Amino acid sequence: ADAHALGETLVEGANDLAAEVTTR
């Protein structure tokens, strides 16, 4: 469960980073 939550957090962080990079 912790690994799954960490994976989701990493995916969300990567998506947020990609969106920020795209915007910039």
PDBML (XML) file of the C-alpha atoms, coordinates in Angstrom:
<?xml version="1.0" encoding="UTF-8" ?>
<PDBx:datablock datablockName="MODEL"
   xmlns:PDBx="http://pdbml.pdb.org/schema/pdbx-v50.xsd"
   xmlns:xsi="http://www.w3.org/2001/XMLSchema-instance"
   xsi:schemaLocation="http://pdbml.pdb.org/schema/pdbx-v50.xsd pdbx-v50.xsd">
   <PDBx:atom_siteCategory>
      <PDBx:atom_site id="1">
         <PDBx:B_iso_or_equiv>0.00</PDBx:B_iso_or_equiv>
         <PDBx:Cartn_x>0.000</PDBx:Cartn_x>
         <PDBx:Cartn_y>0.000</PDBx:Cartn_y>
         <PDBx:Cartn_z>0.000</PDBx:Cartn_z>
         <PDBx:auth_asym_id>A</PDBx:auth_asym_id>
         <PDBx:auth_atom_id>CA</PDBx:auth_atom_id>
         <PDBx:auth_comp_id>ALA</PDBx:auth_comp_id>
         <PDBx:auth_seq_id>1</PDBx:auth_seq_id>
         <PDBx:group_PDB>ATOM</PDBx:group_PDB>
         <PDBx:label_alt_id xsi:nil="true" />
         <PDBx:label_asym_id>A</PDBx:label_asym_id>
         <PDBx:label_atom_id>CA</PDBx:label_atom_id>
         <PDBx:label_comp_id>ALA</PDBx:label_comp_id>
         <PDBx:label_entity_id>1</PDBx:label_entity_id>
         <PDBx:label_seq_id>1</PDBx:label_seq_id>
         <PDBx:occupancy>1.00</PDBx:occupancy>
         <PDBx:pdbx_PDB_model_num>1</PDBx:pdbx_PDB_model_num>
         <PDBx:type_symbol>C</PDBx:type_symbol>
      </PDBx:atom_site>
      <PDBx:atom_site id="2">
         <PDBx:B_iso_or_equiv>0.00</PDBx:B_iso_or_equiv>
         <PDBx:Cartn_x>2.829</PDBx:Cartn_x>
         <PDBx:Cartn_y>2.410</PDBx:Cartn_y>
         <PDBx:Cartn_z>0.871</PDBx:Cartn_z>
         <PDBx:auth_asym_id>A</PDBx:auth_asym_id>
         <PDBx:auth_atom_id>CA</PDBx:auth_atom_id>
         <PDBx:auth_comp_id>ASP</PDBx:auth_comp_id>
         <PDBx:auth_seq_id>2</PDBx:auth_seq_id>
         <PDBx:group_PDB>ATOM</PDBx:group_PDB>
         <PDBx:label_alt_id xsi:nil="true" />
         <PDBx:label_asym_id>A</PDBx:label_asym_id>
         <PDBx:label_atom_id>CA</PDBx:label_atom_id>
         <PDBx:label_comp_id>ASP</PDBx:label_comp_id>
         <PDBx:label_entity_id>1</PDBx:label_entity_id>
         <PDBx:label_seq_id>2</PDBx:label_seq_id>
         <PDBx:occupancy>1.00</PDBx:occupancy>
         <PDBx:pdbx_PDB_model_num>1</PDBx:pdbx_PDB_model_num>
         <PDBx:type_symbol>C</PDBx:type_symbol>
      </PDBx:atom_site>
      <PDBx:atom_site id="3">
         <PDBx:B_iso_or_equiv>0.00</PDBx:B_iso_or_equiv>
         <PDBx:Cartn_x>4.677</PDBx:Cartn_x>
         <PDBx:Cartn_y>1.554</PDBx:Cartn_y>
         <PDBx:Cartn_z>-2.360</PDBx:Cartn_z>
         <PDBx:auth_asym_id>A</PDBx:auth_asym_id>
         <PDBx:auth_atom_id>CA</PDBx:auth_atom_id>
         <PDBx:auth_comp_id>ALA</PDBx:auth_comp_id>
         <PDBx:auth_seq_id>3</PDBx:auth_seq_id>
         <PDBx:group_PDB>ATOM</PDBx:group_PDB>
         <PDBx:label_alt_id xsi:nil="true" />
         <PDBx:label_asym_id>A</PDBx:label_asym_id>
         <PDBx:label_atom_id>CA</PDBx:label_atom_id>
         <PDBx:label_comp_id>ALA</PDBx:label_comp_id>
         <PDBx:label_entity_id>1</PDBx:label_entity_id>
         <PDBx:label_seq_id>3</PDBx:label_seq_id>
         <PDBx:occupancy>1.00</PDBx:occupancy>
         <PDBx:pdbx_PDB_model_num>1</PDBx:pdbx_PDB_model_num>
         <PDBx:type_symbol>C</PDBx:type_symbol>
      </PDBx:atom_site>
      <PDBx:atom_site id="4">
         <PDBx:B_iso_or_equiv>0.00</PDBx:B_iso_or_equiv>
         <PDBx:Cartn_x>1.485</PDBx:Cartn_x>
         <PDBx:Cartn_y>2.069</PDBx:Cartn_y>
         <PDBx:Cartn_z>-4.374</PDBx:Cartn_z>
         <PDBx:auth_asym_id>A</PDBx:auth_asym_id>
         <PDBx:auth_atom_id>CA</PDBx:auth_atom_id>
         <PDBx:auth_comp_id>HIS</PDBx:auth_comp_id>
         <PDBx:auth_seq_id>4</PDBx:auth_seq_id>
         <PDBx:group_PDB>ATOM</PDBx:group_PDB>
         <PDBx:label_alt_id xsi:nil="true" />
         <PDBx:label_asym_id>A</PDBx:label_asym_id>
         <PDBx:label_atom_id>CA</PDBx:label_atom_id>
         <PDBx:label_comp_id>HIS</PDBx:label_comp_id>
         <PDBx:label_entity_id>1</PDBx:label_entity_id>
         <PDBx:label_seq_id>4</PDBx:label_seq_id>
         <PDBx:occupancy>1.00</PDBx:occupancy>
         <PDBx:pdbx_PDB_model_num>1</PDBx:pdbx_PDB_model_num>
         <PDBx:type_symbol>C</PDBx:type_symbol>
      </PDBx:atom_site>
      <PDBx:atom_site id="5">
         <PDBx:B_iso_or_equiv>0.00</PDBx:B_iso_or_equiv>
         <PDBx:Cartn_x>0.862</PDBx:Cartn_x>
         <PDBx:Cartn_y>5.438</PDBx:Cartn_y>
         <PDBx:Cartn_z>-2.677</PDBx:Cartn_z>
         <PDBx:auth_asym_id>A</PDBx:auth_asym_id>
         <PDBx:auth_atom_id>CA</PDBx:auth_atom_id>
         <PDBx:auth_comp_id>ALA</PDBx:auth_comp_id>
         <PDBx:auth_seq_id>5</PDBx:auth_seq_id>
         <PDBx:group_PDB>ATOM</PDBx:group_PDB>
         <PDBx:label_alt_id xsi:nil="true" />
         <PDBx:label_asym_id>A</PDBx:label_asym_id>
         <PDBx:label_atom_id>CA</PDBx:label_atom_id>
         <PDBx:label_comp_id>ALA</PDBx:label_comp_id>
         <PDBx:label_entity_id>1</PDBx:label_entity_id>
         <PDBx:label_seq_id>5</PDBx:label_seq_id>
         <PDBx:occupancy>1.00</PDBx:occupancy>
         <PDBx:pdbx_PDB_model_num>1</PDBx:pdbx_PDB_model_num>
         <PDBx:type_symbol>C</PDBx:type_symbol>
      </PDBx:atom_site>
      <PDBx:atom_site id="6">
         <PDBx:B_iso_or_equiv>0.00</PDBx:B_iso_or_equiv>
         <PDBx:Cartn_x>4.480</PDBx:Cartn_x>
         <PDBx:Cartn_y>6.435</PDBx:Cartn_y>
         <PDBx:Cartn_z>-3.274</PDBx:Cartn_z>
         <PDBx:auth_asym_id>A</PDBx:auth_asym_id>
         <PDBx:auth_atom_id>CA</PDBx:auth_atom_id>
         <PDBx:auth_comp_id>LEU</PDBx:auth_comp_id>
         <PDBx:auth_seq_id>6</PDBx:auth_seq_id>
         <PDBx:group_PDB>ATOM</PDBx:group_PDB>
         <PDBx:label_alt_id xsi:nil="true" />
         <PDBx:label_asym_id>A</PDBx:label_asym_id>
         <PDBx:label_atom_id>CA</PDBx:label_atom_id>
         <PDBx:label_comp_id>LEU</PDBx:label_comp_id>
         <PDBx:label_entity_id>1</PDBx:label_entity_id>
         <PDBx:label_seq_id>6</PDBx:label_seq_id>
         <PDBx:occupancy>1.00</PDBx:occupancy>
         <PDBx:pdbx_PDB_model_num>1</PDBx:pdbx_PDB_model_num>
         <PDBx:type_symbol>C</PDBx:type_symbol>
      </PDBx:atom_site>
      <PDBx:atom_site id="7">
         <PDBx:B_iso_or_equiv>0.00</PDBx:B_iso_or_equiv>
         <PDBx:Cartn_x>4.178</PDBx:Cartn_x>
         <PDBx:Cartn_y>5.429</PDBx:Cartn_y>
         <PDBx:Cartn_z>-6.940</PDBx:Cartn_z>
         <PDBx:auth_asym_id>A</PDBx:auth_asym_id>
         <PDBx:auth_atom_id>CA</PDBx:auth_atom_id>
         <PDBx:auth_comp_id>GLY</PDBx:auth_comp_id>
         <PDBx:auth_seq_id>7</PDBx:auth_seq_id>
         <PDBx:group_PDB>ATOM</PDBx:group_PDB>
         <PDBx:label_alt_id xsi:nil="true" />
         <PDBx:label_asym_id>A</PDBx:label_asym_id>
         <PDBx:label_atom_id>CA</PDBx:label_atom_id>
         <PDBx:label_comp_id>GLY</PDBx:label_comp_id>
         <PDBx:label_entity_id>1</PDBx:label_entity_id>
         <PDBx:label_seq_id>7</PDBx:label_seq_id>
         <PDBx:occupancy>1.00</PDBx:occupancy>
         <PDBx:pdbx_PDB_model_num>1</PDBx:pdbx_PDB_model_num>
         <PDBx:type_symbol>C</PDBx:type_symbol>
      </PDBx:atom_site>
      <PDBx:atom_site id="8">
         <PDBx:B_iso_or_equiv>0.00</PDBx:B_iso_or_equiv>
         <PDBx:Cartn_x>1.030</PDBx:Cartn_x>
         <PDBx:Cartn_y>7.520</PDBx:Cartn_y>
         <PDBx:Cartn_z>-7.338</PDBx:Cartn_z>
         <PDBx:auth_asym_id>A</PDBx:auth_asym_id>
         <PDBx:auth_atom_id>CA</PDBx:auth_atom_id>
         <PDBx:auth_comp_id>GLU</PDBx:auth_comp_id>
         <PDBx:auth_seq_id>8</PDBx:auth_seq_id>
         <PDBx:group_PDB>ATOM</PDBx:group_PDB>
         <PDBx:label_alt_id xsi:nil="true" />
         <PDBx:label_asym_id>A</PDBx:label_asym_id>
         <PDBx:label_atom_id>CA</PDBx:label_atom_id>
         <PDBx:label_comp_id>GLU</PDBx:label_comp_id>
         <PDBx:label_entity_id>1</PDBx:label_entity_id>
         <PDBx:label_seq_id>8</PDBx:label_seq_id>
         <PDBx:occupancy>1.00</PDBx:occupancy>
         <PDBx:pdbx_PDB_model_num>1</PDBx:pdbx_PDB_model_num>
         <PDBx:type_symbol>C</PDBx:type_symbol>
      </PDBx:atom_site>
      <PDBx:atom_site id="9">
         <PDBx:B_iso_or_equiv>0.00</PDBx:B_iso_or_equiv>
         <PDBx:Cartn_x>2.742</PDBx:Cartn_x>
         <PDBx:Cartn_y>10.454</PDBx:Cartn_y>
         <PDBx:Cartn_z>-5.655</PDBx:Cartn_z>
         <PDBx:auth_asym_id>A</PDBx:auth_asym_id>
         <PDBx:auth_atom_id>CA</PDBx:auth_atom_id>
         <PDBx:auth_comp_id>THR</PDBx:auth_comp_id>
         <PDBx:auth_seq_id>9</PDBx:auth_seq_id>
         <PDBx:group_PDB>ATOM</PDBx:group_PDB>
         <PDBx:label_alt_id xsi:nil="true" />
         <PDBx:label_asym_id>A</PDBx:label_asym_id>
         <PDBx:label_atom_id>CA</PDBx:label_atom_id>
         <PDBx:label_comp_id>THR</PDBx:label_comp_id>
         <PDBx:label_entity_id>1</PDBx:label_entity_id>
         <PDBx:label_seq_id>9</PDBx:label_seq_id>
         <PDBx:occupancy>1.00</PDBx:occupancy>
         <PDBx:pdbx_PDB_model_num>1</PDBx:pdbx_PDB_model_num>
         <PDBx:type_symbol>C</PDBx:type_symbol>
      </PDBx:atom_site>
      <PDBx:atom_site id="10">
         <PDBx:B_iso_or_equiv>0.00</PDBx:B_iso_or_equiv>
         <PDBx:Cartn_x>5.732</PDBx:Cartn_x>
         <PDBx:Cartn_y>10.123</PDBx:Cartn_y>
         <PDBx:Cartn_z>-7.994</PDBx:Cartn_z>
         <PDBx:auth_asym_id>A</PDBx:auth_asym_id>
         <PDBx:auth_atom_id>CA</PDBx:auth_atom_id>
         <PDBx:auth_comp_id>LEU</PDBx:auth_comp_id>
         <PDBx:auth_seq_id>10</PDBx:auth_seq_id>
         <PDBx:group_PDB>ATOM</PDBx:group_PDB>
         <PDBx:label_alt_id xsi:nil="true" />
         <PDBx:label_asym_id>A</PDBx:label_asym_id>
         <PDBx:label_atom_id>CA</PDBx:label_atom_id>
         <PDBx:label_comp_id>LEU</PDBx:label_comp_id>
         <PDBx:label_entity_id>1</PDBx:label_entity_id>
         <PDBx:label_seq_id>10</PDBx:label_seq_id>
         <PDBx:occupancy>1.00</PDBx:occupancy>
         <PDBx:pdbx_PDB_model_num>1</PDBx:pdbx_PDB_model_num>
         <PDBx:type_symbol>C</PDBx:type_symbol>
      </PDBx:atom_site>
      <PDBx:atom_site id="11">
         <PDBx:B_iso_or_equiv>0.00</PDBx:B_iso_or_equiv>
         <PDBx:Cartn_x>3.468</PDBx:Cartn_x>
         <PDBx:Cartn_y>9.913</PDBx:Cartn_y>
         <PDBx:Cartn_z>-11.065</PDBx:Cartn_z>
         <PDBx:auth_asym_id>A</PDBx:auth_asym_id>
         <PDBx:auth_atom_id>CA</PDBx:auth_atom_id>
         <PDBx:auth_comp_id>VAL</PDBx:auth_comp_id>
         <PDBx:auth_seq_id>11</PDBx:auth_seq_id>
         <PDBx:group_PDB>ATOM</PDBx:group_PDB>
         <PDBx:label_alt_id xsi:nil="true" />
         <PDBx:label_asym_id>A</PDBx:label_asym_id>
         <PDBx:label_atom_id>CA</PDBx:label_atom_id>
         <PDBx:label_comp_id>VAL</PDBx:label_comp_id>
         <PDBx:label_entity_id>1</PDBx:label_entity_id>
         <PDBx:label_seq_id>11</PDBx:label_seq_id>
         <PDBx:occupancy>1.00</PDBx:occupancy>
         <PDBx:pdbx_PDB_model_num>1</PDBx:pdbx_PDB_model_num>
         <PDBx:type_symbol>C</PDBx:type_symbol>
      </PDBx:atom_site>
      <PDBx:atom_site id="12">
         <PDBx:B_iso_or_equiv>0.00</PDBx:B_iso_or_equiv>
         <PDBx:Cartn_x>1.513</PDBx:Cartn_x>
         <PDBx:Cartn_y>12.992</PDBx:Cartn_y>
         <PDBx:Cartn_z>-9.932</PDBx:Cartn_z>
         <PDBx:auth_asym_id>A</PDBx:auth_asym_id>
         <PDBx:auth_atom_id>CA</PDBx:auth_atom_id>
         <PDBx:auth_comp_id>GLU</PDBx:auth_comp_id>
         <PDBx:auth_seq_id>12</PDBx:auth_seq_id>
         <PDBx:group_PDB>ATOM</PDBx:group_PDB>
         <PDBx:label_alt_id xsi:nil="true" />
         <PDBx:label_asym_id>A</PDBx:label_asym_id>
         <PDBx:label_atom_id>CA</PDBx:label_atom_id>
         <PDBx:label_comp_id>GLU</PDBx:label_comp_id>
         <PDBx:label_entity_id>1</PDBx:label_entity_id>
         <PDBx:label_seq_id>12</PDBx:label_seq_id>
         <PDBx:occupancy>1.00</PDBx:occupancy>
         <PDBx:pdbx_PDB_model_num>1</PDBx:pdbx_PDB_model_num>
         <PDBx:type_symbol>C</PDBx:type_symbol>
      </PDBx:atom_site>
      <PDBx:atom_site id="13">
         <PDBx:B_iso_or_equiv>0.00</PDBx:B_iso_or_equiv>
         <PDBx:Cartn_x>4.772</PDBx:Cartn_x>
         <PDBx:Cartn_y>14.834</PDBx:Cartn_y>
         <PDBx:Cartn_z>-9.274</PDBx:Cartn_z>
         <PDBx:auth_asym_id>A</PDBx:auth_asym_id>
         <PDBx:auth_atom_id>CA</PDBx:auth_atom_id>
         <PDBx:auth_comp_id>GLY</PDBx:auth_comp_id>
         <PDBx:auth_seq_id>13</PDBx:auth_seq_id>
         <PDBx:group_PDB>ATOM</PDBx:group_PDB>
         <PDBx:label_alt_id xsi:nil="true" />
         <PDBx:label_asym_id>A</PDBx:label_asym_id>
         <PDBx:label_atom_id>CA</PDBx:label_atom_id>
         <PDBx:label_comp_id>GLY</PDBx:label_comp_id>
         <PDBx:label_entity_id>1</PDBx:label_entity_id>
         <PDBx:label_seq_id>13</PDBx:label_seq_id>
         <PDBx:occupancy>1.00</PDBx:occupancy>
         <PDBx:pdbx_PDB_model_num>1</PDBx:pdbx_PDB_model_num>
         <PDBx:type_symbol>C</PDBx:type_symbol>
      </PDBx:atom_site>
      <PDBx:atom_site id="14">
         <PDBx:B_iso_or_equiv>0.00</PDBx:B_iso_or_equiv>
         <PDBx:Cartn_x>6.105</PDBx:Cartn_x>
         <PDBx:Cartn_y>13.876</PDBx:Cartn_y>
         <PDBx:Cartn_z>-12.709</PDBx:Cartn_z>
         <PDBx:auth_asym_id>A</PDBx:auth_asym_id>
         <PDBx:auth_atom_id>CA</PDBx:auth_atom_id>
         <PDBx:auth_comp_id>ALA</PDBx:auth_comp_id>
         <PDBx:auth_seq_id>14</PDBx:auth_seq_id>
         <PDBx:group_PDB>ATOM</PDBx:group_PDB>
         <PDBx:label_alt_id xsi:nil="true" />
         <PDBx:label_asym_id>A</PDBx:label_asym_id>
         <PDBx:label_atom_id>CA</PDBx:label_atom_id>
         <PDBx:label_comp_id>ALA</PDBx:label_comp_id>
         <PDBx:label_entity_id>1</PDBx:label_entity_id>
         <PDBx:label_seq_id>14</PDBx:label_seq_id>
         <PDBx:occupancy>1.00</PDBx:occupancy>
         <PDBx:pdbx_PDB_model_num>1</PDBx:pdbx_PDB_model_num>
         <PDBx:type_symbol>C</PDBx:type_symbol>
      </PDBx:atom_site>
      <PDBx:atom_site id="15">
         <PDBx:B_iso_or_equiv>0.00</PDBx:B_iso_or_equiv>
         <PDBx:Cartn_x>2.853</PDBx:Cartn_x>
         <PDBx:Cartn_y>14.993</PDBx:Cartn_y>
         <PDBx:Cartn_z>-14.353</PDBx:Cartn_z>
         <PDBx:auth_asym_id>A</PDBx:auth_asym_id>
         <PDBx:auth_atom_id>CA</PDBx:auth_atom_id>
         <PDBx:auth_comp_id>ASN</PDBx:auth_comp_id>
         <PDBx:auth_seq_id>15</PDBx:auth_seq_id>
         <PDBx:group_PDB>ATOM</PDBx:group_PDB>
         <PDBx:label_alt_id xsi:nil="true" />
         <PDBx:label_asym_id>A</PDBx:label_asym_id>
         <PDBx:label_atom_id>CA</PDBx:label_atom_id>
         <PDBx:label_comp_id>ASN</PDBx:label_comp_id>
         <PDBx:label_entity_id>1</PDBx:label_entity_id>
         <PDBx:label_seq_id>15</PDBx:label_seq_id>
         <PDBx:occupancy>1.00</PDBx:occupancy>
         <PDBx:pdbx_PDB_model_num>1</PDBx:pdbx_PDB_model_num>
         <PDBx:type_symbol>C</PDBx:type_symbol>
      </PDBx:atom_site>
      <PDBx:atom_site id="16">
         <PDBx:B_iso_or_equiv>0.00</PDBx:B_iso_or_equiv>
         <PDBx:Cartn_x>2.966</PDBx:Cartn_x>
         <PDBx:Cartn_y>18.289</PDBx:Cartn_y>
         <PDBx:Cartn_z>-12.467</PDBx:Cartn_z>
         <PDBx:auth_asym_id>A</PDBx:auth_asym_id>
         <PDBx:auth_atom_id>CA</PDBx:auth_atom_id>
         <PDBx:auth_comp_id>ASP</PDBx:auth_comp_id>
         <PDBx:auth_seq_id>16</PDBx:auth_seq_id>
         <PDBx:group_PDB>ATOM</PDBx:group_PDB>
         <PDBx:label_alt_id xsi:nil="true" />
         <PDBx:label_asym_id>A</PDBx:label_asym_id>
         <PDBx:label_atom_id>CA</PDBx:label_atom_id>
         <PDBx:label_comp_id>ASP</PDBx:label_comp_id>
         <PDBx:label_entity_id>1</PDBx:label_entity_id>
         <PDBx:label_seq_id>16</PDBx:label_seq_id>
         <PDBx:occupancy>1.00</PDBx:occupancy>
         <PDBx:pdbx_PDB_model_num>1</PDBx:pdbx_PDB_model_num>
         <PDBx:type_symbol>C</PDBx:type_symbol>
      </PDBx:atom_site>
      <PDBx:atom_site id="17">
         <PDBx:B_iso_or_equiv>0.00</PDBx:B_iso_or_equiv>
         <PDBx:Cartn_x>6.606</PDBx:Cartn_x>
         <PDBx:Cartn_y>18.771</PDBx:Cartn_y>
         <PDBx:Cartn_z>-13.459</PDBx:Cartn_z>
         <PDBx:auth_asym_id>A</PDBx:auth_asym_id>
         <PDBx:auth_atom_id>CA</PDBx:auth_atom_id>
         <PDBx:auth_comp_id>LEU</PDBx:auth_comp_id>
         <PDBx:auth_seq_id>17</PDBx:auth_seq_id>
         <PDBx:group_PDB>ATOM</PDBx:group_PDB>
         <PDBx:label_alt_id xsi:nil="true" />
         <PDBx:label_asym_id>A</PDBx:label_asym_id>
         <PDBx:label_atom_id>CA</PDBx:label_atom_id>
         <PDBx:label_comp_id>LEU</PDBx:label_comp_id>
         <PDBx:label_entity_id>1</PDBx:label_entity_id>
         <PDBx:label_seq_id>17</PDBx:label_seq_id>
         <PDBx:occupancy>1.00</PDBx:occupancy>
         <PDBx:pdbx_PDB_model_num>1</PDBx:pdbx_PDB_model_num>
         <PDBx:type_symbol>C</PDBx:type_symbol>
      </PDBx:atom_site>
      <PDBx:atom_site id="18">
         <PDBx:B_iso_or_equiv>0.00</PDBx:B_iso_or_equiv>
         <PDBx:Cartn_x>5.826</PDBx:Cartn_x>
         <PDBx:Cartn_y>17.979</PDBx:Cartn_y>
         <PDBx:Cartn_z>-17.098</PDBx:Cartn_z>
         <PDBx:auth_asym_id>A</PDBx:auth_asym_id>
         <PDBx:auth_atom_id>CA</PDBx:auth_atom_id>
         <PDBx:auth_comp_id>ALA</PDBx:auth_comp_id>
         <PDBx:auth_seq_id>18</PDBx:auth_seq_id>
         <PDBx:group_PDB>ATOM</PDBx:group_PDB>
         <PDBx:label_alt_id xsi:nil="true" />
         <PDBx:label_asym_id>A</PDBx:label_asym_id>
         <PDBx:label_atom_id>CA</PDBx:label_atom_id>
         <PDBx:label_comp_id>ALA</PDBx:label_comp_id>
         <PDBx:label_entity_id>1</PDBx:label_entity_id>
         <PDBx:label_seq_id>18</PDBx:label_seq_id>
         <PDBx:occupancy>1.00</PDBx:occupancy>
         <PDBx:pdbx_PDB_model_num>1</PDBx:pdbx_PDB_model_num>
         <PDBx:type_symbol>C</PDBx:type_symbol>
      </PDBx:atom_site>
      <PDBx:atom_site id="19">
         <PDBx:B_iso_or_equiv>0.00</PDBx:B_iso_or_equiv>
         <PDBx:Cartn_x>2.943</PDBx:Cartn_x>
         <PDBx:Cartn_y>20.469</PDBx:Cartn_y>
         <PDBx:Cartn_z>-17.062</PDBx:Cartn_z>
         <PDBx:auth_asym_id>A</PDBx:auth_asym_id>
         <PDBx:auth_atom_id>CA</PDBx:auth_atom_id>
         <PDBx:auth_comp_id>ALA</PDBx:auth_comp_id>
         <PDBx:auth_seq_id>19</PDBx:auth_seq_id>
         <PDBx:group_PDB>ATOM</PDBx:group_PDB>
         <PDBx:label_alt_id xsi:nil="true" />
         <PDBx:label_asym_id>A</PDBx:label_asym_id>
         <PDBx:label_atom_id>CA</PDBx:label_atom_id>
         <PDBx:label_comp_id>ALA</PDBx:label_comp_id>
         <PDBx:label_entity_id>1</PDBx:label_entity_id>
         <PDBx:label_seq_id>19</PDBx:label_seq_id>
         <PDBx:occupancy>1.00</PDBx:occupancy>
         <PDBx:pdbx_PDB_model_num>1</PDBx:pdbx_PDB_model_num>
         <PDBx:type_symbol>C</PDBx:type_symbol>
      </PDBx:atom_site>
      <PDBx:atom_site id="20">
         <PDBx:B_iso_or_equiv>0.00</PDBx:B_iso_or_equiv>
         <PDBx:Cartn_x>5.182</PDBx:Cartn_x>
         <PDBx:Cartn_y>23.132</PDBx:Cartn_y>
         <PDBx:Cartn_z>-15.523</PDBx:Cartn_z>
         <PDBx:auth_asym_id>A</PDBx:auth_asym_id>
         <PDBx:auth_atom_id>CA</PDBx:auth_atom_id>
         <PDBx:auth_comp_id>GLU</PDBx:auth_comp_id>
         <PDBx:auth_seq_id>20</PDBx:auth_seq_id>
         <PDBx:group_PDB>ATOM</PDBx:group_PDB>
         <PDBx:label_alt_id xsi:nil="true" />
         <PDBx:label_asym_id>A</PDBx:label_asym_id>
         <PDBx:label_atom_id>CA</PDBx:label_atom_id>
         <PDBx:label_comp_id>GLU</PDBx:label_comp_id>
         <PDBx:label_entity_id>1</PDBx:label_entity_id>
         <PDBx:label_seq_id>20</PDBx:label_seq_id>
         <PDBx:occupancy>1.00</PDBx:occupancy>
         <PDBx:pdbx_PDB_model_num>1</PDBx:pdbx_PDB_model_num>
         <PDBx:type_symbol>C</PDBx:type_symbol>
      </PDBx:atom_site>
      <PDBx:atom_site id="21">
         <PDBx:B_iso_or_equiv>0.00</PDBx:B_iso_or_equiv>
         <PDBx:Cartn_x>7.959</PDBx:Cartn_x>
         <PDBx:Cartn_y>22.494</PDBx:Cartn_y>
         <PDBx:Cartn_z>-18.051</PDBx:Cartn_z>
         <PDBx:auth_asym_id>A</PDBx:auth_asym_id>
         <PDBx:auth_atom_id>CA</PDBx:auth_atom_id>
         <PDBx:auth_comp_id>VAL</PDBx:auth_comp_id>
         <PDBx:auth_seq_id>21</PDBx:auth_seq_id>
         <PDBx:group_PDB>ATOM</PDBx:group_PDB>
         <PDBx:label_alt_id xsi:nil="true" />
         <PDBx:label_asym_id>A</PDBx:label_asym_id>
         <PDBx:label_atom_id>CA</PDBx:label_atom_id>
         <PDBx:label_comp_id>VAL</PDBx:label_comp_id>
         <PDBx:label_entity_id>1</PDBx:label_entity_id>
         <PDBx:label_seq_id>21</PDBx:label_seq_id>
         <PDBx:occupancy>1.00</PDBx:occupancy>
         <PDBx:pdbx_PDB_model_num>1</PDBx:pdbx_PDB_model_num>
         <PDBx:type_symbol>C</PDBx:type_symbol>
      </PDBx:atom_site>
      <PDBx:atom_site id="22">
         <PDBx:B_iso_or_equiv>0.00</PDBx:B_iso_or_equiv>
         <PDBx:Cartn_x>5.422</PDBx:Cartn_x>
         <PDBx:Cartn_y>22.625</PDBx:Cartn_y>
         <PDBx:Cartn_z>-20.902</PDBx:Cartn_z>
         <PDBx:auth_asym_id>A</PDBx:auth_asym_id>
         <PDBx:auth_atom_id>CA</PDBx:auth_atom_id>
         <PDBx:auth_comp_id>THR</PDBx:auth_comp_id>
         <PDBx:auth_seq_id>22</PDBx:auth_seq_id>
         <PDBx:group_PDB>ATOM</PDBx:group_PDB>
         <PDBx:label_alt_id xsi:nil="true" />
         <PDBx:label_asym_id>A</PDBx:label_asym_id>
         <PDBx:label_atom_id>CA</PDBx:label_atom_id>
         <PDBx:label_comp_id>THR</PDBx:label_comp_id>
         <PDBx:label_entity_id>1</PDBx:label_entity_id>
         <PDBx:label_seq_id>22</PDBx:label_seq_id>
         <PDBx:occupancy>1.00</PDBx:occupancy>
         <PDBx:pdbx_PDB_model_num>1</PDBx:pdbx_PDB_model_num>
         <PDBx:type_symbol>C</PDBx:type_symbol>
      </PDBx:atom_site>
      <PDBx:atom_site id="23">
         <PDBx:B_iso_or_equiv>0.00</PDBx:B_iso_or_equiv>
         <PDBx:Cartn_x>4.045</PDBx:Cartn_x>
         <PDBx:Cartn_y>25.923</PDBx:Cartn_y>
         <PDBx:Cartn_z>-19.629</PDBx:Cartn_z>
         <PDBx:auth_asym_id>A</PDBx:auth_asym_id>
         <PDBx:auth_atom_id>CA</PDBx:auth_atom_id>
         <PDBx:auth_comp_id>THR</PDBx:auth_comp_id>
         <PDBx:auth_seq_id>23</PDBx:auth_seq_id>
         <PDBx:group_PDB>ATOM</PDBx:group_PDB>
         <PDBx:label_alt_id xsi:nil="true" />
         <PDBx:label_asym_id>A</PDBx:label_asym_id>
         <PDBx:label_atom_id>CA</PDBx:label_atom_id>
         <PDBx:label_comp_id>THR</PDBx:label_comp_id>
         <PDBx:label_entity_id>1</PDBx:label_entity_id>
         <PDBx:label_seq_id>23</PDBx:label_seq_id>
         <PDBx:occupancy>1.00</PDBx:occupancy>
         <PDBx:pdbx_PDB_model_num>1</PDBx:pdbx_PDB_model_num>
         <PDBx:type_symbol>C</PDBx:type_symbol>
      </PDBx:atom_site>
      <PDBx:atom_site id="24">
         <PDBx:B_iso_or_equiv>0.00</PDBx:B_iso_or_equiv>
         <PDBx:Cartn_x>7.515</PDBx:Cartn_x>
         <PDBx:Cartn_y>27.425</PDBx:Cartn_y>
         <PDBx:Cartn_z>-19.287</PDBx:Cartn_z>
         <PDBx:auth_asym_id>A</PDBx:auth_asym_id>
         <PDBx:auth_atom_id>CA</PDBx:auth_atom_id>
         <PDBx:auth_comp_id>ARG</PDBx:auth_comp_id>
         <PDBx:auth_seq_id>24</PDBx:auth_seq_id>
         <PDBx:group_PDB>ATOM</PDBx:group_PDB>
         <PDBx:label_alt_id xsi:nil="true" />
         <PDBx:label_asym_id>A</PDBx:label_asym_id>
         <PDBx:label_atom_id>CA</PDBx:label_atom_id>
         <PDBx:label_comp_id>ARG</PDBx:label_comp_id>
         <PDBx:label_entity_id>1</PDBx:label_entity_id>
         <PDBx:label_seq_id>24</PDBx:label_seq_id>
         <PDBx:occupancy>1.00</PDBx:occupancy>
         <PDBx:pdbx_PDB_model_num>1</PDBx:pdbx_PDB_model_num>
         <PDBx:type_symbol>C</PDBx:type_symbol>
      </PDBx:atom_site>
   </PDBx:atom_siteCategory>
</PDBx:datablock>
